[in-house]
Amino acid sequence: MLPIDSEDLLFRIKGGIQLEGVINKTDEEGIKAAFQEAINELISKKVINMKVHFELATLDHVENVIIQHNKMSRIHFKLTLPIDVVLFVDPADPWGKIQDQFVDAIITQLSAMDKCIQRYTNGKTVPMPQAFHFELPEKTTLTTVIYPAGISDETLEPQRKELHALLGLDNKPFFRRSMAFCFPSDEMKAKYLRNVHKYIPTLNPDEFQIFGVHGSYIFHHCMQDNENDAEWGALYRCFQVIISWFNCQGYINKPTPTLTEMQDILTKFDEGFVNVVEGKDWIPLEQMVAILNAFSISTTTKDIRPEVDEPIDLSIHFKEQATPVAFTAESTACVVLGIAVNEEANIRKILVLDTGYTGNDDLATITEKAVDWKDEEFLMGLEAYGICLPQRPEGV
């Protein structure tokens, strides 16, 4: 996780570098060789002429580079490589040293782009390389990966597996394109807040072993989007959070449904729900799971009576699945994002995200009122409660 209190400066440089070259042979190997030679020549100059954009922007669309054969013996090509470099620098360093670091970082990225072109060029179609930045556990900087535009995440899985092996990562996804780091100005443009639990005080790691949700989610809650669902919408909002998690990790590629769309799913699943949905009644968890099924999200649900049943060990769920958990009791619901365990003192705390929150999407208010570590005892006063444990698909 990136340290919020770090004194290092984070620079992000985005822009385009002109790449020009000559193709002498128009077969695949000849095209690869021509691009490699052009990039190596650019690197050898160590002079970067680049139109730099210091604002945070995204490429809406990037075309592949198509090499077309004609009757000329030599084919010239020209394109703009979309450079996107992230650099952490010590503010005490002189500007000259920082400029050298910029050049070194860009050269490193050019080399990585060359490897991408060599790997993914197919016949006479050359992919446009794109940079993505990822946040990894136990790392205080970002890791940049170059992927080819226009190639599916499924096709890129072998490359991701290589990265996992190289960096010693487990079998949870870290490098899917949808998981790229969200920079502050990107977050400012977003309609909803994400990962709000990261902004509350952390528990002492010397006292607690913490198991939590892996990856990103969007915080959905009651009264959002001008909906008047304060009395009945908390469980719907839990499922919006869960679906957003599967979207953010790249497991699904469908927009998070609105309340109306979720109600339509329920009524199509069982026409008997029409009156319940129209009456805005509280719907039991086991019936609500039909919403997740519509997104091909498999789940395990359990009903717990604290006076009779053994409590669920959520640490196992977060170690193995690391998905947000929906919790519902009587006419309330919330999302559980993690559990903290102190075996020696026999203390457990759970990280609760309150989807019944009805305030504005103001981060300061949300971190004060809608997300917090709670003692496990708050469950014991309930006669019964249900939990929904989403299961993530295999693969990185």
Foldseek 3Di string as FASTA:
>chain_A
DADPPDQWDKAKKKWWFKFKWKQQDQWQVSVLVTRVVRLVVVLVVLDTDTDTDRDDDDDPDDDWDFDDDDPDNMDMDMDIATDIFMDIGRPVDDPVVVVSVVSVRRNVVSVQQSVQQNVPDDTRTTFRKDKFWWDDPPDNGIDIHIHGPPDDPVVCQVVQVVVCVVVVHDFADTDDRLQGDQDPVNQVPDPFHKPLVVPADDDDVVQWDKFFAPGMWTQAAPCPPNDNLLQQCQLVRQVLRQVRRCVSSPVAPDHRDDLVVLQVQLCVVPVVCPVVVVVSHHDDPVSSCSSVVVRVWDKDKDKDFLVPDDDDPCNVLRVQASTWKWKDADRAIWIWGIKIARPVVGWIWTWTFGRSDNDDNDSVVRNVPGIDIGTPCVVNVGRMMMMMRIGGDGGD
